[in-house]
C-alpha atoms as a PDB file:
ATOM      1  CA  MET A   1       0.080   5.632   4.202  1.00  0.00           C
ATOM      2  CA  GLU A   2       0.247   8.803   6.118  1.00  0.00           C
ATOM      3  CA  PHE A   3       2.118   7.861   9.391  1.00  0.00           C
ATOM      4  CA  SER A   4       5.773   8.148  10.075  1.00  0.00           C
ATOM      5  CA  TYR A   5       7.280   4.950   9.076  1.00  0.00           C
ATOM      6  CA  LEU A   6      10.759   5.351  10.460  1.00  0.00           C
ATOM      7  CA  ILE A   7       9.730   6.428  14.017  1.00  0.00           C
ATOM      8  CA  PHE A   8       7.583   3.518  14.764  1.00  0.00           C
ATOM      9  CA  ARG A   9      10.684   1.359  15.693  1.00  0.00           C
ATOM     10  CA  ASN A  10      10.984   3.818  18.858  1.00  0.00           C
ATOM     11  CA  ASN A  11       7.469   3.603  19.802  1.00  0.00           C
ATOM     12  CA  ILE A  12       6.974  -0.273  19.719  1.00  0.00           C
ATOM     13  CA  LYS A  13       8.199  -2.479  22.553  1.00  0.00           C
ATOM     14  CA  ARG A  14       9.266  -5.828  21.208  1.00  0.00           C
ATOM     15  CA  GLY A  15      10.830  -9.065  22.684  1.00  0.00           C
ATOM     16  CA  GLY A  16      12.913 -11.410  20.461  1.00  0.00           C
ATOM     17  CA  LYS A  17      10.358 -14.200  20.344  1.00  0.00           C
ATOM     18  CA  VAL A  18       7.217 -12.061  19.366  1.00  0.00           C
ATOM     19  CA  LYS A  19       6.121 -12.772  15.870  1.00  0.00           C
ATOM     20  CA  MET A  20       5.935  -9.989  13.284  1.00  0.00           C
ATOM     21  CA  ASN A  21       2.232 -10.575  12.869  1.00  0.00           C
ATOM     22  CA  GLN A  22       1.605  -9.546  16.468  1.00  0.00           C
ATOM     23  CA  PHE A  23       3.380  -6.135  15.884  1.00  0.00           C
ATOM     24  CA  LEU A  24       0.861  -5.601  13.013  1.00  0.00           C
ATOM     25  CA  ILE A  25      -2.058  -6.567  15.099  1.00  0.00           C
ATOM     26  CA  ASP A  26      -1.048  -4.307  18.011  1.00  0.00           C
ATOM     27  CA  PHE A  27      -0.404  -1.486  15.630  1.00  0.00           C
ATOM     28  CA  TYR A  28      -3.793  -1.694  13.736  1.00  0.00           C
ATOM     29  CA  ASN A  29      -5.781  -2.328  16.938  1.00  0.00           C
ATOM     30  CA  ASN A  30      -4.741   1.163  18.059  1.00  0.00           C
ATOM     31  CA  TYR A  31      -4.690   3.011  14.562  1.00  0.00           C
ATOM     32  CA  ASP A  32      -7.597   4.616  12.929  1.00  0.00           C
ATOM     33  CA  GLU A  33      -7.264   2.856   9.594  1.00  0.00           C
ATOM     34  CA  ASP A  34     -10.923   3.446   8.577  1.00  0.00           C
ATOM     35  CA  ASN A  35     -10.318   7.244   8.475  1.00  0.00           C
ATOM     36  CA  ARG A  36      -6.633   7.276   7.089  1.00  0.00           C
ATOM     37  CA  LEU A  37      -7.848   8.194   3.622  1.00  0.00           C
ATOM     38  CA  ILE A  38     -10.550  10.691   4.379  1.00  0.00           C
ATOM     39  CA  LEU A  39      -8.427  13.964   4.971  1.00  0.00           C
ATOM     40  CA  LYS A  40      -7.476  15.707   1.742  1.00  0.00           C
ATOM     41  CA  HIS A  41      -3.725  14.797   2.147  1.00  0.00           C
ATOM     42  CA  GLY A  42      -4.750  11.083   2.779  1.00  0.00           C
ATOM     43  CA  SER A  43      -7.345  11.147   0.067  1.00  0.00           C
ATOM     44  CA  VAL A  44      -4.582  11.771  -2.748  1.00  0.00           C
ATOM     45  CA  GLU A  45      -3.431   7.990  -2.364  1.00  0.00           C
ATOM     46  CA  PHE A  46      -7.055   6.629  -2.431  1.00  0.00           C
ATOM     47  CA  LEU A  47      -8.168   8.900  -5.461  1.00  0.00           C
ATOM     48  CA  THR A  48      -4.982   8.004  -7.457  1.00  0.00           C
ATOM     49  CA  THR A  49      -5.461   4.303  -6.844  1.00  0.00           C
ATOM     50  CA  MET A  50      -9.240   4.402  -7.848  1.00  0.00           C
ATOM     51  CA  HIS A  51      -8.074   6.553 -10.847  1.00  0.00           C
ATOM     52  CA  TYR A  52      -6.032   3.769 -11.978  1.00  0.00           C
ATOM     53  CA  ILE A  53      -8.431   0.911 -11.121  1.00  0.00           C
ATOM     54  CA  GLU A  54     -11.106   2.726 -13.123  1.00  0.00           C
ATOM     55  CA  LYS A  55      -8.774   2.568 -16.253  1.00  0.00           C
ATOM     56  CA  TYR A  56      -9.029  -1.316 -16.211  1.00  0.00           C
ATOM     57  CA  ILE A  57     -12.099  -2.416 -14.330  1.00  0.00           C
ATOM     58  CA  ARG A  58     -15.018  -3.511 -16.510  1.00  0.00           C
ATOM     59  CA  PRO A  59     -18.725  -4.145 -15.765  1.00  0.00           C
ATOM     60  CA  GLY A  60     -19.099  -7.717 -14.401  1.00  0.00           C
ATOM     61  CA  ASP A  61     -15.617  -7.956 -13.241  1.00  0.00           C
ATOM     62  CA  CYS A  62     -14.726  -9.804  -9.921  1.00  0.00           C
ATOM     63  CA  VAL A  63     -12.261  -8.082  -7.467  1.00  0.00           C
ATOM     64  CA  LEU A  64     -10.004  -9.670  -4.848  1.00  0.00           C
ATOM     65  CA  GLU A  65      -8.494  -7.305  -2.239  1.00  0.00           C
ATOM     66  CA  ILE A  66      -5.611  -8.802  -0.301  1.00  0.00           C
ATOM     67  CA  GLY A  67      -4.898  -6.934   2.994  1.00  0.00           C
ATOM     68  CA  ALA A  68      -7.954  -5.073   2.883  1.00  0.00           C
ATOM     69  CA  GLY A  69      -7.914  -3.281   5.941  1.00  0.00           C
ATOM     70  CA  THR A  70     -11.171  -1.842   6.949  1.00  0.00           C
ATOM     71  CA  GLY A  71     -12.396  -2.027   3.289  1.00  0.00           C
ATOM     72  CA  ARG A  72     -12.159   1.439   2.001  1.00  0.00           C
ATOM     73  CA  TYR A  73     -11.468   0.109  -1.585  1.00  0.00           C
ATOM     74  CA  SER A  74     -13.450  -2.973  -1.295  1.00  0.00           C
ATOM     75  CA  HIS A  75     -16.644  -1.143  -0.260  1.00  0.00           C
ATOM     76  CA  THR A  76     -16.167   1.486  -2.736  1.00  0.00           C
ATOM     77  CA  LEU A  77     -15.994  -1.132  -5.559  1.00  0.00           C
ATOM     78  CA  ALA A  78     -18.821  -3.155  -4.135  1.00  0.00           C
ATOM     79  CA  ARG A  79     -20.987  -0.239  -4.045  1.00  0.00           C
ATOM     80  CA  GLN A  80     -20.285   0.449  -7.803  1.00  0.00           C
ATOM     81  CA  GLY A  81     -21.814  -2.972  -8.521  1.00  0.00           C
ATOM     82  CA  TYR A  82     -18.627  -5.160  -8.500  1.00  0.00           C
ATOM     83  CA  SER A  83     -18.333  -8.529  -6.815  1.00  0.00           C
ATOM     84  CA  VAL A  84     -15.619  -8.203  -4.280  1.00  0.00           C
ATOM     85  CA  ASP A  85     -13.783 -10.731  -2.073  1.00  0.00           C
ATOM     86  CA  ALA A  86     -11.510  -9.519   0.620  1.00  0.00           C
ATOM     87  CA  VAL A  87      -8.687 -11.102   2.777  1.00  0.00           C
ATOM     88  CA  GLU A  88      -7.427  -9.336   5.881  1.00  0.00           C
ATOM     89  CA  LEU A  89      -5.062 -10.450   8.565  1.00  0.00           C
ATOM     90  CA  VAL A  90      -6.192  -8.261  11.544  1.00  0.00           C
ATOM     91  CA  GLU A  91      -9.430  -9.139  13.265  1.00  0.00           C
ATOM     92  CA  HIS A  92      -9.944  -5.650  14.474  1.00  0.00           C
ATOM     93  CA  ASN A  93     -10.014  -4.387  10.844  1.00  0.00           C
ATOM     94  CA  ILE A  94     -12.304  -7.136   9.925  1.00  0.00           C
ATOM     95  CA  GLU A  95     -14.833  -6.133  12.549  1.00  0.00           C
ATOM     96  CA  ILE A  96     -14.777  -2.650  11.222  1.00  0.00           C
ATOM     97  CA  PHE A  97     -15.032  -3.814   7.587  1.00  0.00           C
ATOM     98  CA  ARG A  98     -18.124  -5.932   8.517  1.00  0.00           C
ATOM     99  CA  GLN A  99     -19.768  -2.859  10.356  1.00  0.00           C
ATOM    100  CA  ASN A 100     -19.315  -0.833   7.263  1.00  0.00           C
ATOM    101  CA  THR A 101     -20.918  -3.339   4.873  1.00  0.00           C
ATOM    102  CA  GLN A 102     -24.188  -2.308   3.376  1.00  0.00           C
ATOM    103  CA  PRO A 103     -26.926  -4.827   2.739  1.00  0.00           C
ATOM    104  CA  ASP A 104     -26.826  -4.476  -1.152  1.00  0.00           C
ATOM    105  CA  GLU A 105     -22.906  -5.095  -1.388  1.00  0.00           C
ATOM    106  CA  ASN A 106     -21.942  -8.193  -3.207  1.00  0.00           C
ATOM    107  CA  ILE A 107     -18.908  -8.768  -0.855  1.00  0.00           C
ATOM    108  CA  THR A 108     -17.130 -11.154   1.422  1.00  0.00           C
ATOM    109  CA  ILE A 109     -14.346 -10.901   3.955  1.00  0.00           C
ATOM    110  CA  ARG A 110     -12.250 -13.504   5.499  1.00  0.00           C
ATOM    111  CA  GLN A 111      -9.119 -13.676   7.714  1.00  0.00           C
ATOM    112  CA  GLY A 112      -6.051 -14.766   5.882  1.00  0.00           C
ATOM    113  CA  ASN A 113      -2.465 -14.086   4.901  1.00  0.00           C
ATOM    114  CA  ALA A 114      -1.230 -12.607   1.673  1.00  0.00           C
ATOM    115  CA  MET A 115       1.282 -15.383   1.325  1.00  0.00           C
ATOM    116  CA  ASP A 116      -1.340 -18.260   1.580  1.00  0.00           C
ATOM    117  CA  LEU A 117      -4.259 -17.745  -0.706  1.00  0.00           C
ATOM    118  CA  SER A 118      -4.968 -21.596  -0.879  1.00  0.00           C
ATOM    119  CA  GLY A 119      -8.704 -21.005  -0.224  1.00  0.00           C
ATOM    120  CA  PHE A 120      -8.904 -19.323  -3.607  1.00  0.00           C
ATOM    121  CA  SER A 121      -8.752 -20.914  -7.080  1.00  0.00           C
ATOM    122  CA  ASP A 122      -6.375 -20.241  -9.905  1.00  0.00           C
ATOM    123  CA  ASN A 123      -7.317 -17.688 -12.370  1.00  0.00           C
ATOM    124  CA  GLN A 124     -10.344 -16.527 -10.500  1.00  0.00           C
ATOM    125  CA  TYR A 125     -10.170 -12.835 -10.540  1.00  0.00           C
ATOM    126  CA  ASP A 126     -10.170  -9.912 -13.031  1.00  0.00           C
ATOM    127  CA  ILE A 127      -8.682  -7.377 -10.657  1.00  0.00           C
ATOM    128  CA  THR A 128      -6.491  -8.126  -7.644  1.00  0.00           C
ATOM    129  CA  LEU A 129      -5.434  -5.517  -5.185  1.00  0.00           C
ATOM    130  CA  LEU A 130      -2.405  -6.069  -3.026  1.00  0.00           C
ATOM    131  CA  LEU A 131      -2.436  -2.521  -1.477  1.00  0.00           C
ATOM    132  CA  GLY A 132      -1.024  -3.287   2.102  1.00  0.00           C
ATOM    133  CA  PRO A 133       0.874  -6.580   2.547  1.00  0.00           C
ATOM    134  CA  MET A 134       3.956  -5.438   0.670  1.00  0.00           C
ATOM    135  CA  TYR A 135       4.539  -2.990   3.401  1.00  0.00           C
ATOM    136  CA  HIS A 136       4.990  -5.730   6.012  1.00  0.00           C
ATOM    137  CA  LEU A 137       7.147  -8.258   4.038  1.00  0.00           C
ATOM    138  CA  TYR A 138      10.901  -8.225   4.483  1.00  0.00           C
ATOM    139  CA  THR A 139      12.505 -11.254   2.873  1.00  0.00           C
ATOM    140  CA  ILE A 140      12.735 -11.658  -0.798  1.00  0.00           C
ATOM    141  CA  GLU A 141      11.049 -15.037  -0.348  1.00  0.00           C
ATOM    142  CA  ASP A 142       8.013 -13.578   1.336  1.00  0.00           C
ATOM    143  CA  LYS A 143       7.637 -10.864  -1.130  1.00  0.00           C
ATOM    144  CA  HIS A 144       7.823 -13.374  -4.062  1.00  0.00           C
ATOM    145  CA  GLN A 145       5.332 -15.640  -2.381  1.00  0.00           C
ATOM    146  CA  ALA A 146       2.850 -12.865  -1.875  1.00  0.00           C
ATOM    147  CA  LEU A 147       3.291 -11.584  -5.500  1.00  0.00           C
ATOM    148  CA  LYS A 148       3.082 -15.171  -6.852  1.00  0.00           C
ATOM    149  CA  GLU A 149      -0.243 -15.828  -4.879  1.00  0.00           C
ATOM    150  CA  ALA A 150      -1.710 -12.595  -6.193  1.00  0.00           C
ATOM    151  CA  ILE A 151      -0.819 -13.441  -9.687  1.00  0.00           C
ATOM    152  CA  ARG A 152      -1.997 -17.034  -9.416  1.00  0.00           C
ATOM    153  CA  VAL A 153      -5.557 -16.097  -8.405  1.00  0.00           C
ATOM    154  CA  THR A 154      -5.762 -13.482 -11.156  1.00  0.00           C
ATOM    155  CA  LYS A 155      -7.196 -14.533 -14.586  1.00  0.00           C
ATOM    156  CA  PRO A 156      -4.797 -14.375 -17.705  1.00  0.00           C
ATOM    157  CA  GLY A 157      -5.099 -10.803 -18.931  1.00  0.00           C
ATOM    158  CA  GLY A 158      -6.179  -9.718 -15.429  1.00  0.00           C
ATOM    159  CA  VAL A 159      -4.474  -6.720 -13.698  1.00  0.00           C
ATOM    160  CA  ILE A 160      -2.680  -6.632 -10.398  1.00  0.00           C
ATOM    161  CA  PHE A 161      -2.138  -3.511  -8.290  1.00  0.00           C
ATOM    162  CA  ALA A 162       0.807  -3.739  -5.770  1.00  0.00           C
ATOM    163  CA  ALA A 163       1.496  -0.920  -3.342  1.00  0.00           C
ATOM    164  CA  TYR A 164       4.826  -0.216  -1.724  1.00  0.00           C
ATOM    165  CA  VAL A 165       6.372   2.327   0.822  1.00  0.00           C
ATOM    166  CA  ILE A 166       9.220   4.288  -0.727  1.00  0.00           C
ATOM    167  CA  SER A 167      12.084   5.140   1.599  1.00  0.00           C
ATOM    168  CA  ASP A 168      13.541   8.472   0.240  1.00  0.00           C
ATOM    169  CA  MET A 169      10.384  10.679   0.948  1.00  0.00           C
ATOM    170  CA  CYS A 170      10.182   9.225   4.297  1.00  0.00           C
ATOM    171  CA  ILE A 171      13.731  10.198   5.172  1.00  0.00           C
ATOM    172  CA  LEU A 172      13.159  13.707   3.547  1.00  0.00           C
ATOM    173  CA  ASP A 173       9.975  14.383   5.374  1.00  0.00           C
ATOM    174  CA  GLU A 174      10.415  12.702   8.766  1.00  0.00           C
ATOM    175  CA  GLY A 175      14.234  13.378   8.920  1.00  0.00           C
ATOM    176  CA  PHE A 176      15.077  16.578   7.279  1.00  0.00           C
ATOM    177  CA  ASN A 177      11.704  18.428   7.380  1.00  0.00           C
ATOM    178  CA  ARG A 178       9.778  17.297  10.436  1.00  0.00           C
ATOM    179  CA  ASN A 179      12.873  16.197  12.608  1.00  0.00           C
ATOM    180  CA  ASN A 180      10.727  13.250  13.761  1.00  0.00           C
ATOM    181  CA  ILE A 181      14.016  10.999  13.274  1.00  0.00           C
ATOM    182  CA  ASN A 182      17.682  11.597  13.635  1.00  0.00           C
ATOM    183  CA  VAL A 183      19.108  10.648  10.230  1.00  0.00           C
ATOM    184  CA  GLU A 184      22.819  10.818  11.598  1.00  0.00           C
ATOM    185  CA  LYS A 185      21.821   8.382  14.458  1.00  0.00           C
ATOM    186  CA  TYR A 186      19.992   6.047  12.009  1.00  0.00           C
ATOM    187  CA  ILE A 187      23.227   6.032   9.823  1.00  0.00           C
ATOM    188  CA  GLU A 188      25.201   5.053  12.938  1.00  0.00           C
ATOM    189  CA  GLU A 189      22.806   2.397  13.812  1.00  0.00           C
ATOM    190  CA  GLY A 190      23.030   0.898  10.387  1.00  0.00           C
ATOM    191  CA  LEU A 191      19.414   1.532   9.432  1.00  0.00           C
ATOM    192  CA  ILE A 192      20.387   3.981   6.756  1.00  0.00           C
ATOM    193  CA  ASP A 193      23.258   3.359   4.480  1.00  0.00           C
ATOM    194  CA  ALA A 194      25.851   6.165   4.895  1.00  0.00           C
ATOM    195  CA  GLN A 195      26.632   6.404   1.219  1.00  0.00           C
ATOM    196  CA  THR A 196      23.487   5.653  -0.697  1.00  0.00           C
ATOM    197  CA  PHE A 197      20.863   6.458   1.991  1.00  0.00           C
ATOM    198  CA  ALA A 198      18.986   3.341   1.257  1.00  0.00           C
ATOM    199  CA  THR A 199      17.136   1.992   4.230  1.00  0.00           C
ATOM    200  CA  LYS A 200      17.952  -1.422   5.773  1.00  0.00           C
ATOM    201  CA  SER A 201      14.534  -2.694   7.047  1.00  0.00           C
ATOM    202  CA  GLN A 202      14.651  -5.956   9.006  1.00  0.00           C
ATOM    203  CA  PRO A 203      11.854  -8.393  10.044  1.00  0.00           C
ATOM    204  CA  LYS A 204      11.611  -6.903  13.345  1.00  0.00           C
ATOM    205  CA  ASP A 205      10.712  -3.504  11.853  1.00  0.00           C
ATOM    206  CA  LEU A 206       7.033  -2.716  11.297  1.00  0.00           C
ATOM    207  CA  PHE A 207       7.330  -1.340   7.690  1.00  0.00           C
ATOM    208  CA  GLU A 208       9.491  -2.177   4.908  1.00  0.00           C
ATOM    209  CA  LEU A 209      10.857   0.746   3.056  1.00  0.00           C
ATOM    210  CA  VAL A 210      12.073   0.195  -0.596  1.00  0.00           C
ATOM    211  CA  ARG A 211      13.118   2.124  -3.796  1.00  0.00           C
ATOM    212  CA  LYS A 212      11.899   1.396  -7.328  1.00  0.00           C
ATOM    213  CA  GLU A 213      14.993  -0.618  -8.196  1.00  0.00           C
ATOM    214  CA  ASN A 214      14.051  -3.058  -5.299  1.00  0.00           C
ATOM    215  CA  ILE A 215      10.617  -3.491  -6.944  1.00  0.00           C
ATOM    216  CA  ASP A 216      12.024  -3.754 -10.335  1.00  0.00           C
ATOM    217  CA  ASP A 217      14.251  -6.716  -9.070  1.00  0.00           C
ATOM    218  CA  LEU A 218      11.232  -8.238  -7.406  1.00  0.00           C
ATOM    219  CA  MET A 219       9.143  -8.328 -10.563  1.00  0.00           C
ATOM    220  CA  SER A 220      11.874  -9.547 -12.838  1.00  0.00           C
ATOM    221  CA  LYS A 221      11.090 -13.116 -11.688  1.00  0.00           C
ATOM    222  CA  PHE A 222       7.580 -13.008 -13.043  1.00  0.00           C
ATOM    223  CA  SER A 223       5.996 -13.111 -16.497  1.00  0.00           C
ATOM    224  CA  VAL A 224       4.001 -10.025 -16.319  1.00  0.00           C
ATOM    225  CA  SER A 225       3.682  -6.899 -18.202  1.00  0.00           C
ATOM    226  CA  ARG A 226       3.946  -3.658 -16.377  1.00  0.00           C
ATOM    227  CA  LEU A 227       1.208  -1.227 -17.350  1.00  0.00           C
ATOM    228  CA  HIS A 228       2.023   1.620 -14.957  1.00  0.00           C
ATOM    229  CA  TYR A 229       4.340   2.577 -12.209  1.00  0.00           C
ATOM    230  CA  VAL A 230       2.793   5.527 -10.217  1.00  0.00           C
ATOM    231  CA  ALA A 231       3.905   7.797  -7.381  1.00  0.00           C
ATOM    232  CA  SER A 232       0.606   7.426  -5.447  1.00  0.00           C
ATOM    233  CA  ASN A 233       0.844  10.525  -3.383  1.00  0.00           C
ATOM    234  CA  GLY A 234       3.777  12.365  -4.704  1.00  0.00           C
ATOM    235  CA  CYS A 235       4.931  15.149  -2.446  1.00  0.00           C
ATOM    236  CA  THR A 236       1.445  15.288  -0.722  1.00  0.00           C
ATOM    237  CA  LEU A 237       2.557  14.128   2.660  1.00  0.00           C
ATOM    238  CA  PHE A 238       5.515  16.391   2.669  1.00  0.00           C
ATOM    239  CA  MET A 239       3.137  19.309   2.329  1.00  0.00           C
ATOM    240  CA  ARG A 240       0.190  17.775   4.118  1.00  0.00           C
ATOM    241  CA  GLU A 241      -0.782  20.905   6.115  1.00  0.00           C
ATOM    242  CA  LYS A 242      -0.884  23.090   2.786  1.00  0.00           C
ATOM    243  CA  ILE A 243      -2.925  20.231   1.174  1.00  0.00           C
ATOM    244  CA  ASP A 244      -5.548  20.083   4.043  1.00  0.00           C
ATOM    245  CA  ALA A 245      -5.849  23.848   4.092  1.00  0.00           C
ATOM    246  CA  MET A 246      -6.647  24.093   0.296  1.00  0.00           C
ATOM    247  CA  ASP A 247     -10.093  25.022  -0.605  1.00  0.00           C
ATOM    248  CA  ASP A 248     -11.966  22.531  -2.953  1.00  0.00           C
ATOM    249  CA  LYS A 249     -11.155  24.292  -6.158  1.00  0.00           C
ATOM    250  CA  THR A 250      -7.447  24.517  -5.407  1.00  0.00           C
ATOM    251  CA  PHE A 251      -7.430  20.904  -4.371  1.00  0.00           C
ATOM    252  CA  GLU A 252      -8.937  19.848  -7.551  1.00  0.00           C
ATOM    253  CA  LEU A 253      -6.242  21.760  -9.228  1.00  0.00           C
ATOM    254  CA  TYR A 254      -3.693  19.966  -7.305  1.00  0.00           C
ATOM    255  CA  LEU A 255      -5.075  16.539  -8.165  1.00  0.00           C
ATOM    256  CA  LYS A 256      -5.150  17.534 -11.788  1.00  0.00           C
ATOM    257  CA  TYR A 257      -1.462  18.442 -11.518  1.00  0.00           C
ATOM    258  CA  HIS A 258      -0.643  15.145  -9.507  1.00  0.00           C
ATOM    259  CA  PHE A 259      -2.453  12.879 -12.118  1.00  0.00           C
ATOM    260  CA  ALA A 260      -0.501  14.705 -14.791  1.00  0.00           C
ATOM    261  CA  THR A 261       2.848  14.079 -13.240  1.00  0.00           C
ATOM    262  CA  CYS A 262       2.532  10.888 -11.056  1.00  0.00           C
ATOM    263  CA  GLU A 263       4.195   8.634 -13.806  1.00  0.00           C
ATOM    264  CA  ARG A 264       6.901  10.956 -14.783  1.00  0.00           C
ATOM    265  CA  GLU A 265      10.194   9.111 -14.531  1.00  0.00           C
ATOM    266  CA  ASP A 266      12.126  12.256 -13.102  1.00  0.00           C
ATOM    267  CA  LEU A 267       9.390  12.354 -10.094  1.00  0.00           C
ATOM    268  CA  ILE A 268       8.316   8.865  -9.280  1.00  0.00           C
ATOM    269  CA  GLY A 269      11.011   8.608  -6.508  1.00  0.00           C
ATOM    270  CA  PHE A 270       9.548  11.513  -4.748  1.00  0.00           C
ATOM    271  CA  THR A 271       6.614   9.804  -3.052  1.00  0.00           C
ATOM    272  CA  ASN A 272       5.808   8.086   0.223  1.00  0.00           C
ATOM    273  CA  ASN A 273       3.823   5.235  -1.536  1.00  0.00           C
ATOM    274  CA  SER A 274       4.010   3.882  -5.009  1.00  0.00           C
ATOM    275  CA  LEU A 275       1.711   1.722  -7.087  1.00  0.00           C
ATOM    276  CA  ASP A 276       2.925  -0.970  -9.530  1.00  0.00           C
ATOM    277  CA  ILE A 277       0.318  -2.017 -11.862  1.00  0.00           C
ATOM    278  CA  PHE A 278       0.816  -5.124 -14.102  1.00  0.00           C
ATOM    279  CA  ARG A 279      -1.108  -7.570 -16.353  1.00  0.00           C
ATOM    280  CA  LYS A 280      -0.906 -11.264 -16.011  1.00  0.00           C
ATOM    281  CA  TYR A 281      -0.041 -12.955 -19.331  1.00  0.00           C
END
């Protein structure tokens, strides 16, 4: 996602008894999620995710998108002829999702939570997208539950796509590049580790920031096979102004470079978002 993860704590007033879901609802009620992936720099994440979805999706496949937002992925796949079910927490996003639905789309949307997909049967979907919920889950138990549910509803042999927010590029961009946050102050407040620079997100925060080793630890519990681990947007947000100013030919060349390098082990930590793609046994 293109917004400044670390500075939201300074922009949201919160009381001790307010539930996390309300912070998400308040945020997305005032954020243009529908247009987030349209600008060139925002489209890189979308195009990368679609690039990998297209590697595995087959005619006749059924898709579930958990945390569908306003439906950019769901609508794209439905318009390509796939059967798509979507789950979204925020009613405002669901309203826009429904407004964007075309008559010929084989698509459904319901309100729900990634940690409770009890309305869906086991082994139901060929492709399962979990492209937003892991941004907003803070405890190991909640993360495991969301992943467990996504895996449960996926057919054996099906493919799950899980997206995360990666901490280091946020620190580099928002802290050292744009000066939107004071890294020294965040260290003093215990939000960034003084030695490792790992972030310490808590349930009261809006976004969870992780590193690949955290994702590896999460996935070690599950009997799945990782197919790809992808730097979804690489350095794109760091250089967003340059990306948006590119002519179409240069942007296509940039995308070619990005697709060629987004799985390189020496570069995958330099990204704002990552995509973990794995197959259910």
